């Protein structure tokens, strides 16, 4: 159980960090918020992969690539909902 939690935190940090690199603009997120984006993104990526490739839509985590894709989606939604990013293009 401890290994699962540590793995979730590490993958969450990596996926959240990569998502922040891929999304243009500046995001004012702390390290815990970045980990949270990565963890939620992992579940979003797992749900999307189950919906696209299986008929079973259960709540599971996904791999690193699915986590990054899910994290980008979560980060874009976070920015849109919070309105934290100003148009700096």
N, C-alpha and C. Protein backbone atom coordinates (compact mmCIF):
# COMPACT_ATOMS: atom_id res chain seq x y z
N UNK A 1 0.83 -1.19 0.00
CA UNK A 1 0.00 0.00 0.00
C UNK A 1 0.87 1.26 0.00
N UNK A 2 1.93 1.27 0.78
CA UNK A 2 2.84 2.42 0.81
C UNK A 2 3.50 2.59 -0.55
N UNK A 3 3.89 1.49 -1.17
CA UNK A 3 4.50 1.55 -2.50
C UNK A 3 3.56 2.13 -3.54
N UNK A 4 2.27 1.79 -3.46
CA UNK A 4 1.28 2.33 -4.38
C UNK A 4 1.16 3.84 -4.21
N UNK A 5 1.10 4.29 -2.97
CA UNK A 5 0.96 5.72 -2.70
C UNK A 5 2.19 6.48 -3.16
N UNK A 6 3.38 5.95 -2.86
CA UNK A 6 4.61 6.61 -3.32
C UNK A 6 4.69 6.63 -4.85
N UNK A 7 4.32 5.54 -5.49
CA UNK A 7 4.30 5.49 -6.95
C UNK A 7 3.32 6.49 -7.53
N UNK A 8 2.16 6.61 -6.90
CA UNK A 8 1.16 7.56 -7.36
C UNK A 8 1.67 8.99 -7.24
N UNK A 9 2.36 9.29 -6.14
CA UNK A 9 2.91 10.63 -5.95
C UNK A 9 4.02 10.94 -6.96
N UNK A 10 4.88 9.97 -7.21
CA UNK A 10 5.98 10.18 -8.15
C UNK A 10 5.46 10.34 -9.58
N UNK A 11 4.57 9.44 -10.00
CA UNK A 11 3.99 9.56 -11.34
C UNK A 11 3.18 10.84 -11.45
N UNK A 12 2.47 11.21 -10.39
CA UNK A 12 1.71 12.46 -10.38
C UNK A 12 2.60 13.67 -10.55
N UNK A 13 3.74 13.68 -9.86
CA UNK A 13 4.67 14.80 -9.99
C UNK A 13 5.24 14.87 -11.40
N UNK A 14 5.65 13.74 -11.94
CA UNK A 14 6.23 13.72 -13.29
C UNK A 14 5.19 14.14 -14.33
N UNK A 15 4.00 13.54 -14.26
CA UNK A 15 2.95 13.85 -15.24
C UNK A 15 2.50 15.31 -15.12
N UNK A 16 2.35 15.81 -13.91
CA UNK A 16 1.96 17.20 -13.71
C UNK A 16 3.02 18.16 -14.22
N UNK A 17 4.28 17.84 -13.97
CA UNK A 17 5.38 18.69 -14.44
C UNK A 17 5.44 18.73 -15.97
N UNK A 18 5.32 17.56 -16.60
CA UNK A 18 5.35 17.51 -18.07
C UNK A 18 4.15 18.24 -18.65
N UNK A 19 2.98 18.09 -18.02
CA UNK A 19 1.79 18.80 -18.49
C UNK A 19 1.98 20.30 -18.41
N UNK A 20 2.61 20.77 -17.33
CA UNK A 20 2.88 22.21 -17.21
C UNK A 20 3.86 22.69 -18.26
N UNK A 21 4.78 21.83 -18.68
CA UNK A 21 5.70 22.20 -19.75
C UNK A 21 5.00 22.25 -21.10
N UNK A 22 4.03 21.37 -21.31
CA UNK A 22 3.35 21.29 -22.60
C UNK A 22 2.28 22.36 -22.80
N UNK A 23 1.65 22.81 -21.72
CA UNK A 23 0.60 23.81 -21.82
C UNK A 23 1.25 25.19 -21.85
N UNK A 24 0.97 25.97 -22.91
CA UNK A 24 1.60 27.29 -23.01
C UNK A 24 1.09 28.25 -21.94
N UNK A 25 1.91 29.20 -21.60
CA UNK A 25 1.55 30.19 -20.60
C UNK A 25 2.11 29.83 -19.24
N UNK A 26 1.93 30.73 -18.31
CA UNK A 26 2.44 30.52 -16.96
C UNK A 26 1.31 30.06 -16.06
N UNK A 27 1.56 28.98 -15.34
CA UNK A 27 0.59 28.49 -14.37
C UNK A 27 1.16 28.71 -12.98
N UNK A 28 0.41 29.36 -12.14
CA UNK A 28 0.86 29.60 -10.78
C UNK A 28 0.40 28.45 -9.88
N UNK A 29 1.09 27.32 -10.01
CA UNK A 29 0.76 26.14 -9.22
C UNK A 29 1.93 25.78 -8.32
N UNK A 30 1.61 25.39 -7.11
CA UNK A 30 2.64 24.92 -6.19
C UNK A 30 2.99 23.46 -6.53
N UNK A 31 3.99 22.93 -5.87
CA UNK A 31 4.38 21.53 -6.09
C UNK A 31 3.24 20.59 -5.71
N UNK A 32 2.57 20.77 -4.55
CA UNK A 32 1.44 19.89 -4.24
C UNK A 32 0.31 19.99 -5.27
N UNK A 33 0.05 21.19 -5.79
CA UNK A 33 -0.98 21.34 -6.82
C UNK A 33 -0.57 20.66 -8.11
N UNK A 34 0.72 20.70 -8.44
CA UNK A 34 1.22 20.00 -9.62
C UNK A 34 1.06 18.49 -9.45
N UNK A 35 1.36 17.98 -8.27
CA UNK A 35 1.17 16.54 -7.99
C UNK A 35 -0.31 16.19 -8.10
N UNK A 36 -1.18 17.04 -7.55
CA UNK A 36 -2.62 16.79 -7.63
C UNK A 36 -3.11 16.75 -9.07
N UNK A 37 -2.62 17.68 -9.90
CA UNK A 37 -2.98 17.68 -11.32
C UNK A 37 -2.53 16.37 -11.97
N UNK A 38 -1.34 15.91 -11.63
CA UNK A 38 -0.83 14.66 -12.19
C UNK A 38 -1.61 13.44 -11.74
N UNK A 39 -1.99 13.40 -10.47
CA UNK A 39 -2.76 12.26 -9.95
C UNK A 39 -4.15 12.23 -10.57
N UNK A 40 -4.82 13.37 -10.58
CA UNK A 40 -6.15 13.42 -11.19
C UNK A 40 -6.05 13.13 -12.68
N UNK A 41 -4.99 13.63 -13.32
CA UNK A 41 -4.76 13.35 -14.73
C UNK A 41 -4.54 11.88 -15.00
N UNK A 42 -3.92 11.18 -14.07
CA UNK A 42 -3.73 9.74 -14.23
C UNK A 42 -5.06 9.01 -14.24
N UNK A 43 -5.96 9.41 -13.36
CA UNK A 43 -7.28 8.80 -13.35
C UNK A 43 -8.09 9.19 -14.60
N UNK A 44 -7.97 10.43 -15.05
CA UNK A 44 -8.64 10.86 -16.28
C UNK A 44 -8.08 10.08 -17.47
N UNK A 45 -6.77 9.93 -17.53
CA UNK A 45 -6.15 9.14 -18.60
C UNK A 45 -6.59 7.69 -18.57
N UNK A 46 -6.70 7.11 -17.38
CA UNK A 46 -7.18 5.74 -17.24
C UNK A 46 -8.62 5.60 -17.69
N UNK A 47 -9.46 6.56 -17.33
CA UNK A 47 -10.85 6.53 -17.74
C UNK A 47 -10.98 6.67 -19.26
N UNK A 48 -10.21 7.59 -19.85
CA UNK A 48 -10.25 7.77 -21.30
C UNK A 48 -9.76 6.53 -22.04
N UNK A 49 -8.69 5.91 -21.52
CA UNK A 49 -8.19 4.71 -22.20
C UNK A 49 -9.19 3.57 -22.10
N UNK A 50 -9.88 3.46 -20.97
CA UNK A 50 -10.91 2.43 -20.84
C UNK A 50 -12.09 2.71 -21.76
N UNK A 51 -12.47 3.97 -21.90
CA UNK A 51 -13.58 4.31 -22.78
C UNK A 51 -13.21 4.10 -24.25
N UNK A 52 -11.96 4.37 -24.62
CA UNK A 52 -11.56 4.25 -26.02
C UNK A 52 -11.25 2.81 -26.42
N UNK A 53 -10.68 2.04 -25.52
CA UNK A 53 -10.20 0.71 -25.90
C UNK A 53 -10.98 -0.44 -25.29
N UNK A 54 -11.75 -0.20 -24.26
CA UNK A 54 -12.57 -1.24 -23.62
C UNK A 54 -13.98 -0.70 -23.42
N UNK A 55 -14.90 -1.57 -23.18
CA UNK A 55 -16.26 -1.14 -22.85
C UNK A 55 -16.39 -0.85 -21.36
N UNK A 56 -15.43 -1.29 -20.57
CA UNK A 56 -15.46 -1.13 -19.12
C UNK A 56 -14.94 0.25 -18.75
N UNK A 57 -15.76 1.07 -18.12
CA UNK A 57 -15.35 2.42 -17.73
C UNK A 57 -15.17 2.48 -16.21
N UNK A 58 -14.16 1.80 -15.71
CA UNK A 58 -13.91 1.80 -14.28
C UNK A 58 -12.87 2.87 -13.93
N UNK A 59 -12.75 3.15 -12.65
CA UNK A 59 -11.81 4.17 -12.19
C UNK A 59 -10.47 3.51 -11.91
N UNK A 60 -9.53 3.69 -12.82
CA UNK A 60 -8.18 3.13 -12.68
C UNK A 60 -7.16 4.19 -13.06
N UNK A 61 -5.94 3.96 -12.60
CA UNK A 61 -4.86 4.83 -13.03
C UNK A 61 -4.37 4.35 -14.39
N UNK A 62 -3.61 5.20 -15.05
CA UNK A 62 -3.05 4.81 -16.35
C UNK A 62 -1.53 4.88 -16.25
N UNK A 63 -0.88 4.56 -17.34
CA UNK A 63 0.58 4.64 -17.39
C UNK A 63 1.04 6.09 -17.48
N UNK A 64 2.31 6.28 -17.66
CA UNK A 64 2.88 7.62 -17.68
C UNK A 64 2.34 8.43 -18.86
N UNK A 65 2.25 7.83 -20.04
CA UNK A 65 1.76 8.57 -21.21
C UNK A 65 0.30 8.96 -21.02
N UNK A 66 -0.52 8.02 -20.56
CA UNK A 66 -1.92 8.33 -20.28
C UNK A 66 -2.06 9.37 -19.18
N UNK A 67 -1.17 9.32 -18.20
CA UNK A 67 -1.19 10.30 -17.12
C UNK A 67 -0.86 11.69 -17.63
N UNK A 68 0.09 11.79 -18.53
CA UNK A 68 0.46 13.09 -19.09
C UNK A 68 -0.69 13.65 -19.92
N UNK A 69 -1.31 12.81 -20.75
CA UNK A 69 -2.44 13.26 -21.56
C UNK A 69 -3.59 13.72 -20.66
N UNK A 70 -3.90 12.91 -19.66
CA UNK A 70 -4.94 13.30 -18.71
C UNK A 70 -4.59 14.55 -17.93
N UNK A 71 -3.31 14.71 -17.58
CA UNK A 71 -2.88 15.89 -16.83
C UNK A 71 -2.99 17.16 -17.66
N UNK A 72 -2.69 17.05 -18.95
CA UNK A 72 -2.85 18.21 -19.83
C UNK A 72 -4.32 18.62 -19.88
N UNK A 73 -5.21 17.64 -19.98
CA UNK A 73 -6.64 17.94 -19.99
C UNK A 73 -7.07 18.58 -18.68
N UNK A 74 -6.63 18.01 -17.56
CA UNK A 74 -6.98 18.55 -16.25
C UNK A 74 -6.43 19.96 -16.08
N UNK A 75 -5.20 20.18 -16.51
CA UNK A 75 -4.58 21.50 -16.38
C UNK A 75 -5.32 22.54 -17.23
N UNK A 76 -5.71 22.17 -18.44
CA UNK A 76 -6.47 23.10 -19.29
C UNK A 76 -7.82 23.44 -18.66
N UNK A 77 -8.47 22.45 -18.07
CA UNK A 77 -9.75 22.70 -17.39
C UNK A 77 -9.51 23.58 -16.17
N UNK A 78 -8.44 23.29 -15.41
CA UNK A 78 -8.10 24.08 -14.21
C UNK A 78 -7.89 25.55 -14.60
N UNK A 79 -7.14 25.79 -15.66
CA UNK A 79 -6.87 27.16 -16.11
C UNK A 79 -8.16 27.84 -16.53
N UNK A 80 -9.00 27.13 -17.27
CA UNK A 80 -10.25 27.70 -17.75
C UNK A 80 -11.19 28.04 -16.60
N UNK A 81 -11.31 27.14 -15.63
CA UNK A 81 -12.22 27.35 -14.51
C UNK A 81 -11.71 28.44 -13.57
N UNK A 82 -10.42 28.41 -13.26
CA UNK A 82 -9.88 29.38 -12.31
C UNK A 82 -9.61 30.73 -12.94
N UNK A 83 -9.44 30.77 -14.26
CA UNK A 83 -9.16 32.03 -14.93
C UNK A 83 -7.83 32.60 -14.54
N UNK A 84 -6.89 31.73 -14.12
CA UNK A 84 -5.60 32.20 -13.61
C UNK A 84 -4.63 32.63 -14.68
N UNK A 85 -4.83 32.16 -15.91
CA UNK A 85 -3.89 32.51 -16.97
C UNK A 85 -4.44 33.68 -17.76
N UNK A 86 -3.67 34.71 -17.88
CA UNK A 86 -4.02 35.84 -18.72
C UNK A 86 -3.55 35.58 -20.13
N UNK A 87 -4.16 36.19 -21.08
CA UNK A 87 -3.78 35.98 -22.49
C UNK A 87 -2.42 36.64 -22.73
N UNK A 88 -1.35 35.83 -22.72
CA UNK A 88 0.02 36.31 -22.90
C UNK A 88 0.61 35.74 -24.17
N UNK A 89 -0.09 35.76 -25.23
CA UNK A 89 0.41 35.16 -26.46
C UNK A 89 0.87 36.21 -27.41
